Amino acid sequence: MTHHAPPGDAPPRSATEERAWDVPSQPLPQPVEPVQPEQRIAIVDVLRGFALLGILVVNMQFYSTPSGKMFANIPYWQELVHVWAESIISWFFEMKFYTLFSFLFGFGIAMQLLRAEAKRRGFLGLHYRRMLVLLGIGLFHAFLIWMGDILVTYAVLGCILPLFIGWRPRWALVSATVILAVMVLLYIAGALLMGALGLLLDADLNGGLLGNEEAKRQLVEQVQENARIYREGTYWQITAVRAREVLSVYVAVLFFQGPHVFAMFLLGLYVGRVGWFQDLPKTLPLFRRAWWVGLTVGGLGTLATACLTHRAGFDSFVGMSWKFARVATALAAAPALSCFYATSLILLYYRPTLRPYLDLLAPVGRMALTNYLAQSLICSTIFYGSTIFGFGLGWYGRIGPAYGSVLALAIWIVQVIWSNLWFRGLGLKFGPMEWLWRTLSYGRLQPMR
């Protein structure tokens, strides 16, 4: 089904937009196959490989300690080195790297669509099969390995993205901007509402977990019990706790992460359609301007977020007001700072002396699904008392953010080494999970060499 531009969009399209946006109605009998290694855009794989490091640094806090601690206002780490590490991760890593990865996911879908158009083949059938397989992998990951899965979100939102495919590229950009702006405005409204409640209600009601100390005590006890189960429990005890946490995560996705991820899908779709990455280094001036915008907006937004952090909390209406305000500034800063990180890497990539070193990250990005799932397998084995393998080290709650970040870097370096050995040493075409994803999506075994 072809979707038309919204009414009132009368100006003619440019030659680039005409070529990129029109889907032929009469497909020719040419097979659509997985993208070959020589067809890949190297810098996109480099960005994916880089994003996996930032994602692991953030996720390490949730692999190693209960996610509920933030709602119970439990100061899990008292040592100054961990307090500072937690703040740095919060300001410069949280939201920034899944933002970048979501952008690249949308860009990847745009590339698949362009290849399907070039072969004059249908796109939607294969796309929905890919999303269905990804959904299955994500559900397995979420319920049986780690509760913080994002693949289910990607699969579900990826099924909505084709609604925007028939529109002109600029409408994907406008839609993404509107979604992000609405989210920021809603959180600002929430901050004002909570602030007003804090002023109007009696001071005694303005303490505790929104005035309920008993509820707060029960929440703290539940967090401590979950931590004990993760550290000492059997695999099925851990799985029962994880299942409850997954359901609460999906509620958060519905109201917070989901719209943000989808906005980044749309931005990736836009950039893929207008050809910014396909025309490198011709478009480097555009990336240089984006670098300055990302640095300015992202820097100011992050500074505002840092200033609001120490006031924010869930233990009072006033604290909730600052919490909403902090989320609003973080939402505004995340895409901009993510843009700054990405464009910095792109500009460095086009320095001849640095490119060979950055090219080492490309194999990591080529098998991003494998490496993402491997991070969960490795970290659940380190932190849980029992895992899908039947054993674990039980380090849950014993490694603070500072040491956890060092551990994340070490795991990522190992992934850089094994990814390069996999592709360059063994000469294989796909990562193991990428091979499985493609094989199930295309309905036939894919050659690994």
Protein backbone atom coordinates (compact mmCIF):
# COMPACT_ATOMS: atom_id res chain seq x y z
CA MET A 1 0.00 0.00 0.00
CA THR A 2 1.39 3.37 -1.00
CA HIS A 3 1.00 6.22 1.49
CA HIS A 4 0.76 9.73 0.15
CA ALA A 5 2.20 12.88 1.59
CA PRO A 6 -0.06 14.79 3.98
CA PRO A 7 -2.39 17.28 2.29
CA GLY A 8 -0.95 20.66 1.51
CA ASP A 9 2.56 19.45 0.65
CA ALA A 10 2.50 20.87 -2.85
CA PRO A 11 6.14 21.75 -3.67
CA PRO A 12 7.76 19.41 -6.22
CA ARG A 13 10.30 16.86 -5.05
CA SER A 14 13.96 17.11 -5.89
CA ALA A 15 15.59 14.57 -8.21
CA THR A 16 17.17 12.86 -5.21
CA GLU A 17 13.86 12.54 -3.41
CA GLU A 18 12.10 11.27 -6.56
CA ARG A 19 14.71 8.56 -7.02
CA ALA A 20 14.71 7.53 -3.38
CA TRP A 21 11.01 7.70 -2.60
CA ASP A 22 9.07 6.21 -5.51
CA VAL A 23 8.45 2.46 -5.22
CA PRO A 24 7.83 0.76 -8.59
CA SER A 25 4.46 -0.97 -8.77
CA GLN A 26 5.54 -3.79 -11.16
CA PRO A 27 8.27 -5.91 -9.56
CA LEU A 28 10.67 -7.81 -11.78
CA PRO A 29 11.72 -11.38 -10.92
CA GLN A 30 14.99 -10.48 -9.18
CA PRO A 31 15.69 -12.09 -5.80
CA VAL A 32 16.18 -9.90 -2.75
CA GLU A 33 19.16 -11.18 -0.80
CA PRO A 34 20.95 -10.15 2.40
CA VAL A 35 23.35 -7.25 1.95
CA GLN A 36 26.80 -8.46 0.94
CA PRO A 37 29.94 -7.35 2.85
CA GLU A 38 31.17 -5.22 -0.04
CA GLN A 39 27.83 -3.34 -0.09
CA ARG A 40 28.01 -2.25 3.55
CA ILE A 41 28.77 1.35 4.55
CA ALA A 42 31.83 0.97 6.78
CA ILE A 43 31.30 4.06 8.92
CA VAL A 44 27.79 2.87 9.85
CA ASP A 45 29.23 -0.39 11.18
CA VAL A 46 31.90 1.61 13.04
CA LEU A 47 29.15 3.68 14.69
CA ARG A 48 27.25 0.52 15.68
CA GLY A 49 30.38 -0.97 17.18
CA PHE A 50 31.02 2.23 19.13
CA ALA A 51 27.40 2.43 20.32
CA LEU A 52 27.64 -1.08 21.77
CA LEU A 53 30.30 0.14 24.22
CA GLY A 54 28.10 2.95 25.53
CA ILE A 55 25.09 0.63 25.75
CA LEU A 56 27.10 -1.87 27.81
CA VAL A 57 28.39 0.84 30.18
CA VAL A 58 24.80 1.87 30.94
CA ASN A 59 23.38 -1.65 31.05
CA MET A 60 26.13 -2.77 33.43
CA GLN A 61 24.32 -0.91 36.24
CA PHE A 62 21.19 -2.98 35.56
CA TYR A 63 23.04 -6.27 35.13
CA SER A 64 24.69 -5.81 38.51
CA THR A 65 22.08 -4.12 40.75
CA PRO A 66 18.25 -4.04 41.05
CA SER A 67 16.48 -1.68 38.70
CA GLY A 68 13.97 -0.90 41.47
CA LYS A 69 16.62 0.89 43.54
CA MET A 70 15.99 4.14 41.65
CA PHE A 71 12.31 4.17 42.69
CA ALA A 72 13.10 3.27 46.29
CA ASN A 73 15.75 6.03 46.47
CA ILE A 74 18.27 3.53 47.82
CA PRO A 75 21.82 4.99 47.84
CA TYR A 76 23.40 1.73 46.68
CA TRP A 77 26.97 3.05 46.51
CA GLN A 78 28.50 5.39 49.08
CA GLU A 79 32.17 5.50 47.93
CA LEU A 80 33.03 8.74 46.16
CA VAL A 81 34.52 6.98 43.13
CA HIS A 82 31.23 5.14 42.53
CA VAL A 83 29.10 8.23 43.16
CA TRP A 84 31.09 10.16 40.55
CA ALA A 85 31.05 7.24 38.10
CA GLU A 86 27.28 6.95 38.47
CA SER A 87 26.87 10.66 37.77
CA ILE A 88 29.13 10.59 34.70
CA ILE A 89 27.26 7.60 33.30
CA SER A 90 23.95 9.35 33.95
CA TRP A 91 24.99 12.61 32.26
CA PHE A 92 27.04 11.38 29.31
CA PHE A 93 25.92 7.80 28.60
CA GLU A 94 22.31 7.20 29.63
CA MET A 95 19.88 7.61 26.71
CA LYS A 96 22.69 8.72 24.38
CA PHE A 97 23.77 5.36 23.04
CA TYR A 98 20.45 3.57 22.61
CA THR A 99 19.45 6.82 20.88
CA LEU A 100 22.35 6.38 18.44
CA PHE A 101 21.65 2.68 18.00
CA SER A 102 17.95 3.37 17.33
CA PHE A 103 18.89 5.95 14.71
CA LEU A 104 21.12 3.38 13.01
CA PHE A 105 18.32 0.79 13.12
CA GLY A 106 16.02 3.19 11.26
CA PHE A 107 18.84 3.94 8.81
CA GLY A 108 19.29 0.20 8.22
CA ILE A 109 15.62 -0.18 7.35
CA ALA A 110 15.94 2.69 4.88
CA MET A 111 18.87 0.89 3.21
CA GLN A 112 16.88 -2.34 2.96
CA LEU A 113 14.05 -0.44 1.32
CA LEU A 114 16.38 1.23 -1.19
CA ARG A 115 17.90 -2.13 -2.14
CA ALA A 116 14.43 -3.62 -2.61
CA GLU A 117 13.48 -0.68 -4.83
CA ALA A 118 16.67 -1.09 -6.88
CA LYS A 119 15.75 -4.74 -7.52
CA ARG A 120 12.10 -3.78 -8.14
CA ARG A 121 10.93 -6.17 -5.47
CA GLY A 122 8.40 -5.83 -2.68
CA PHE A 123 9.72 -4.74 0.70
CA LEU A 124 7.00 -5.22 3.30
CA GLY A 125 6.76 -9.02 3.30
CA LEU A 126 10.45 -9.49 4.08
CA HIS A 127 10.44 -6.57 6.52
CA TYR A 128 7.61 -8.02 8.61
CA ARG A 129 9.23 -11.46 8.62
CA ARG A 130 12.44 -9.86 9.91
CA MET A 131 10.54 -8.05 12.65
CA LEU A 132 8.68 -11.24 13.63
CA VAL A 133 11.96 -13.16 14.01
CA LEU A 134 13.47 -10.25 15.96
CA LEU A 135 10.42 -10.27 18.24
CA GLY A 136 10.97 -13.96 19.00
CA ILE A 137 14.66 -13.40 19.76
CA GLY A 138 13.80 -10.43 21.95
CA LEU A 139 11.19 -12.31 23.99
CA PHE A 140 13.64 -15.18 24.56
CA HIS A 141 16.28 -12.67 25.65
CA ALA A 142 13.94 -10.69 27.93
CA PHE A 143 12.32 -13.57 29.82
CA LEU A 144 15.13 -16.12 29.91
CA ILE A 145 18.37 -14.08 30.00
CA TRP A 146 18.00 -10.40 31.00
CA MET A 147 15.04 -8.14 31.73
CA GLY A 148 16.44 -5.01 30.03
CA ASP A 149 15.90 -6.22 26.46
CA ILE A 150 15.27 -3.61 23.75
CA LEU A 151 14.79 -5.98 20.80
CA VAL A 152 11.06 -6.44 21.47
CA THR A 153 10.64 -2.65 21.36
CA TYR A 154 12.57 -2.50 18.08
CA ALA A 155 10.48 -5.29 16.54
CA VAL A 156 7.12 -3.80 17.52
CA LEU A 157 8.02 -0.24 16.49
CA GLY A 158 9.68 -1.58 13.35
CA CYS A 159 6.27 -2.89 12.30
CA ILE A 160 4.84 0.65 12.59
CA LEU A 161 7.66 2.34 10.64
CA PRO A 162 6.38 1.28 7.15
CA LEU A 163 3.42 3.63 7.68
CA PHE A 164 5.89 6.46 7.02
CA ILE A 165 7.64 4.91 4.04
CA GLY A 166 5.35 6.40 1.37
CA TRP A 167 5.80 9.92 2.70
CA ARG A 168 8.41 12.35 1.48
CA PRO A 169 11.64 12.32 3.50
CA ARG A 170 11.04 15.70 5.11
CA TRP A 171 7.87 14.37 6.77
CA ALA A 172 9.85 11.69 8.57
CA LEU A 173 12.08 14.48 9.92
CA VAL A 174 9.10 16.63 10.91
CA SER A 175 7.36 13.69 12.60
CA ALA A 176 10.47 12.83 14.62
CA THR A 177 10.86 16.44 15.73
CA VAL A 178 7.19 16.66 16.77
CA ILE A 179 7.39 13.43 18.81
CA LEU A 180 10.49 14.61 20.69
CA ALA A 181 9.02 18.09 21.27
CA VAL A 182 5.74 16.67 22.59
CA MET A 183 7.62 14.37 24.99
CA VAL A 184 9.68 17.28 26.34
CA LEU A 185 6.57 19.45 26.77
CA LEU A 186 4.69 16.65 28.56
CA TYR A 187 7.48 16.25 31.10
CA ILE A 188 7.66 20.01 31.61
CA ALA A 189 3.90 19.96 32.26
CA GLY A 190 4.43 17.09 34.72
CA ALA A 191 7.11 19.11 36.51
CA LEU A 192 4.76 22.07 36.86
CA LEU A 193 1.92 19.86 38.10
CA MET A 194 4.06 18.12 40.72
CA GLY A 195 5.48 21.45 41.83
CA ALA A 196 1.97 22.84 42.26
CA LEU A 197 0.89 19.78 44.30
CA GLY A 198 3.96 20.17 46.49
CA LEU A 199 2.99 23.76 47.28
CA LEU A 200 -0.70 23.10 47.81
CA LEU A 201 -0.60 19.95 49.95
CA ASP A 202 0.31 19.79 53.60
CA ALA A 203 4.05 19.50 54.29
CA ASP A 204 3.55 16.21 56.18
CA LEU A 205 2.02 14.69 53.09
CA ASN A 206 4.96 15.89 51.07
CA GLY A 207 7.38 13.27 52.42
CA GLY A 208 7.86 9.57 51.91
CA LEU A 209 6.94 7.74 48.71
CA LEU A 210 4.35 10.37 47.75
CA GLY A 211 3.23 10.41 51.38
CA ASN A 212 3.24 6.64 52.00
CA GLU A 213 6.17 5.54 54.18
CA GLU A 214 4.80 2.00 54.44
CA ALA A 215 4.78 1.64 50.67
CA LYS A 216 8.35 2.89 50.56
CA ARG A 217 9.44 0.37 53.22
CA GLN A 218 7.82 -2.49 51.30
CA LEU A 219 9.50 -1.37 48.09
CA VAL A 220 12.92 -1.28 49.77
CA GLU A 221 12.36 -4.79 51.15
CA GLN A 222 11.30 -6.04 47.70
CA VAL A 223 14.41 -4.57 46.09
CA GLN A 224 16.62 -6.23 48.69
CA GLU A 225 14.85 -9.57 48.26
CA ASN A 226 15.19 -9.42 44.46
CA ALA A 227 18.90 -8.71 44.85
CA ARG A 228 19.26 -11.77 47.09
CA ILE A 229 17.44 -14.00 44.59
CA TYR A 230 19.59 -12.79 41.69
CA ARG A 231 22.73 -13.44 43.72
CA GLU A 232 21.80 -16.75 45.37
CA GLY A 233 18.63 -18.11 43.77
CA THR A 234 18.06 -20.93 41.31
CA TYR A 235 17.64 -20.19 37.61
CA TRP A 236 13.85 -20.54 37.78
CA GLN A 237 13.59 -18.33 40.88
CA ILE A 238 15.59 -15.69 39.01
CA THR A 239 13.40 -16.17 35.93
CA ALA A 240 10.24 -15.56 37.99
CA VAL A 241 11.66 -12.26 39.32
CA ARG A 242 12.88 -11.31 35.84
CA ALA A 243 9.42 -11.94 34.33
CA ARG A 244 7.82 -9.48 36.76
CA GLU A 245 10.51 -6.91 36.02
CA VAL A 246 10.11 -7.34 32.26
CA LEU A 247 6.42 -6.48 32.49
CA SER A 248 7.20 -3.30 34.44
CA VAL A 249 9.89 -2.42 31.87
CA TYR A 250 7.32 -2.70 29.07
CA VAL A 251 5.11 -0.17 30.87
CA ALA A 252 8.06 2.24 30.96
CA VAL A 253 8.72 1.55 27.27
CA LEU A 254 5.12 2.40 26.40
CA PHE A 255 5.26 5.85 27.99
CA PHE A 256 8.90 6.83 27.73
CA GLN A 257 11.43 4.83 25.77
CA GLY A 258 9.11 3.71 22.96
CA PRO A 259 8.23 7.18 21.56
CA HIS A 260 11.86 8.25 21.87
CA VAL A 261 13.11 5.16 20.02
CA PHE A 262 10.51 5.62 17.29
CA ALA A 263 11.52 9.25 16.78
CA MET A 264 15.10 8.08 16.23
CA PHE A 265 13.88 5.42 13.78
CA LEU A 266 12.29 8.22 11.79
CA LEU A 267 15.47 10.32 11.85
CA GLY A 268 17.45 7.30 10.64
CA LEU A 269 14.87 6.73 7.90
CA TYR A 270 15.19 10.38 6.84
CA VAL A 271 19.00 10.36 6.72
CA GLY A 272 19.00 7.09 4.80
CA ARG A 273 16.51 8.38 2.24
CA VAL A 274 18.29 11.66 1.53
CA GLY A 275 21.65 9.91 1.20
CA TRP A 276 23.89 11.57 3.78
CA PHE A 277 25.92 8.42 4.41
CA GLN A 278 25.81 7.19 0.84
CA ASP A 279 27.43 10.38 -0.46
CA LEU A 280 30.34 10.57 2.01
CA PRO A 281 32.75 12.38 1.95
CA LYS A 282 30.70 14.81 -0.17
CA THR A 283 28.31 15.42 2.73
CA LEU A 284 31.04 15.98 5.35
CA PRO A 285 30.19 19.73 5.56
CA LEU A 286 26.68 18.73 6.69
CA PHE A 287 28.17 16.52 9.40
CA ARG A 288 30.46 19.36 10.50
CA ARG A 289 27.47 21.65 10.99
CA ALA A 290 25.62 18.86 12.81
CA TRP A 291 28.71 18.48 15.06
CA TRP A 292 28.43 22.11 16.21
CA VAL A 293 24.66 21.84 16.78
CA GLY A 294 25.09 18.61 18.74
CA LEU A 295 27.88 20.06 20.87
CA THR A 296 25.98 23.26 21.69
CA VAL A 297 22.50 21.84 22.33
CA GLY A 298 23.76 18.61 23.87
CA GLY A 299 26.27 20.38 26.09
CA LEU A 300 23.75 22.89 27.43
CA GLY A 301 21.10 20.20 27.92
CA THR A 302 23.53 17.94 29.77
CA LEU A 303 24.62 20.83 31.99
CA ALA A 304 20.97 21.52 32.86
CA THR A 305 20.41 17.81 33.56
CA ALA A 306 23.43 17.69 35.88
CA CYS A 307 22.21 20.75 37.80
CA LEU A 308 18.78 19.17 38.34
CA THR A 309 20.06 15.71 39.33
CA HIS A 310 20.71 16.32 43.03
CA ARG A 311 17.21 17.77 43.52
CA ALA A 312 15.31 15.04 41.68
CA GLY A 313 13.74 12.06 43.44
CA PHE A 314 10.66 9.93 43.95
CA ASP A 315 10.22 10.65 47.65
CA SER A 316 8.16 13.85 47.46
CA PHE A 317 6.07 15.96 45.13
CA VAL A 318 8.85 18.53 44.98
CA GLY A 319 11.40 15.83 44.22
CA MET A 320 9.11 14.46 41.53
CA SER A 321 8.81 17.95 40.06
CA TRP A 322 12.58 18.17 39.71
CA LYS A 323 12.61 14.60 38.39
CA PHE A 324 10.20 15.49 35.58
CA ALA A 325 12.24 18.59 34.78
CA ARG A 326 15.43 16.52 34.69
CA VAL A 327 13.86 14.01 32.30
CA ALA A 328 12.71 16.87 30.05
CA THR A 329 16.24 18.27 29.78
CA ALA A 330 17.68 14.77 29.29
CA LEU A 331 15.22 14.09 26.46
CA ALA A 332 16.25 17.32 24.77
CA ALA A 333 19.96 16.65 25.29
CA ALA A 334 20.09 12.97 24.32
CA PRO A 335 19.58 13.25 20.52
CA ALA A 336 21.89 16.27 20.35
CA LEU A 337 24.72 14.71 22.37
CA SER A 338 24.26 11.46 20.47
CA CYS A 339 24.64 13.47 17.25
CA PHE A 340 27.82 15.04 18.65
CA TYR A 341 29.31 11.62 19.45
CA ALA A 342 28.40 10.20 16.03
CA THR A 343 29.59 13.16 13.98
CA SER A 344 32.84 13.30 15.98
CA LEU A 345 33.51 9.69 15.03
CA ILE A 346 32.59 10.33 11.40
CA LEU A 347 34.93 13.32 11.13
CA LEU A 348 37.74 11.37 12.81
CA TYR A 349 37.12 8.47 10.44
CA TYR A 350 38.03 10.68 7.50
CA ARG A 351 41.46 11.38 8.92
CA PRO A 352 43.72 8.86 7.12
CA THR A 353 45.91 8.22 10.16
CA LEU A 354 42.94 7.25 12.33
CA ARG A 355 40.82 5.25 9.90
CA PRO A 356 42.71 1.91 10.26
CA TYR A 357 42.14 2.01 14.03
CA LEU A 358 38.46 2.93 13.76
CA ASP A 359 37.97 0.23 11.12
CA LEU A 360 38.59 -2.29 13.92
CA LEU A 361 35.12 -1.35 15.25
CA ALA A 362 33.35 -2.20 11.98
CA PRO A 363 33.28 -5.99 12.59
CA VAL A 364 31.72 -5.35 16.01
CA GLY A 365 28.93 -3.41 14.31
CA ARG A 366 28.50 -6.04 11.58
CA MET A 367 27.55 -8.57 14.25
CA ALA A 368 25.79 -6.11 16.57
CA LEU A 369 22.93 -8.49 17.41
CA THR A 370 25.35 -11.26 18.36
CA ASN A 371 27.46 -8.91 20.47
CA TYR A 372 24.44 -7.36 22.19
CA LEU A 373 23.12 -10.79 23.22
CA ALA A 374 26.63 -11.95 24.15
CA GLN A 375 26.90 -9.01 26.56
CA SER A 376 23.80 -10.28 28.38
CA LEU A 377 25.07 -13.86 28.49
CA ILE A 378 28.47 -12.78 29.83
CA CYS A 379 27.13 -10.33 32.41
CA SER A 380 24.33 -12.59 33.67
CA THR A 381 26.95 -15.31 34.16
CA ILE A 382 29.15 -12.91 36.12
CA PHE A 383 26.43 -11.41 38.33
CA TYR A 384 23.70 -14.04 38.77
CA GLY A 385 23.87 -17.08 41.02
CA SER A 386 22.43 -19.24 38.23
CA THR A 387 21.98 -18.62 34.50
CA ILE A 388 20.68 -20.30 31.39
CA PHE A 389 23.96 -22.25 31.42
CA GLY A 390 23.16 -23.57 34.89
CA PHE A 391 25.84 -21.68 36.83
CA GLY A 392 26.92 -18.14 37.70
CA LEU A 393 29.49 -16.31 39.82
CA GLY A 394 26.90 -14.51 41.98
CA TRP A 395 28.58 -11.09 42.01
CA TYR A 396 25.21 -9.30 41.98
CA GLY A 397 25.31 -6.07 44.02
CA ARG A 398 29.04 -6.32 44.64
CA ILE A 399 30.54 -4.28 41.78
CA GLY A 400 29.96 -0.52 41.77
CA PRO A 401 29.60 1.75 38.72
CA ALA A 402 33.32 2.63 38.56
CA TYR A 403 34.51 -0.97 38.49
CA GLY A 404 31.52 -1.94 36.38
CA SER A 405 32.56 0.57 33.71
CA VAL A 406 36.06 -0.92 33.63
CA LEU A 407 34.51 -4.38 33.29
CA ALA A 408 32.29 -3.11 30.46
CA LEU A 409 35.34 -1.75 28.62
CA ALA A 410 37.17 -5.07 29.06
CA ILE A 411 34.22 -7.09 27.70
CA TRP A 412 33.87 -4.72 24.74
CA ILE A 413 37.60 -5.02 23.90
CA VAL A 414 37.22 -8.80 23.88
CA GLN A 415 34.27 -8.35 21.52
CA VAL A 416 36.38 -6.16 19.23
CA ILE A 417 39.01 -8.92 19.09
CA TRP A 418 36.64 -11.82 18.50
CA SER A 419 34.58 -9.88 15.93
CA ASN A 420 37.72 -9.14 13.90
CA LEU A 421 38.82 -12.77 14.15
CA TRP A 422 35.37 -13.94 13.08
CA PHE A 423 35.23 -11.88 9.90
CA ARG A 424 38.87 -11.21 9.02
CA GLY A 425 40.50 -14.31 10.47
CA LEU A 426 37.87 -16.95 9.69
CA GLY A 427 36.49 -15.15 6.64
CA LEU A 428 32.81 -15.61 7.60
CA LYS A 429 29.98 -13.48 6.18
CA PHE A 430 27.62 -13.09 9.15
CA GLY A 431 27.72 -13.23 12.92
CA PRO A 432 25.99 -16.31 14.39
CA MET A 433 22.77 -14.51 15.40
CA GLU A 434 22.77 -12.44 12.21
CA TRP A 435 22.98 -15.71 10.26
CA LEU A 436 20.04 -17.14 12.23
CA TRP A 437 18.02 -13.93 11.78
CA ARG A 438 18.58 -13.90 8.02
CA THR A 439 18.02 -17.64 7.59
CA LEU A 440 14.65 -17.52 9.37
CA SER A 441 13.63 -14.28 7.61
CA TYR A 442 14.46 -15.50 4.10
CA GLY A 443 13.28 -19.04 4.73
CA ARG A 444 16.49 -20.64 3.42
CA LEU A 445 19.95 -21.36 4.76
CA GLN A 446 22.37 -18.49 4.19
CA PRO A 447 25.97 -19.28 3.23
CA MET A 448 28.42 -18.37 6.00
CA ARG A 449 31.38 -18.01 3.64
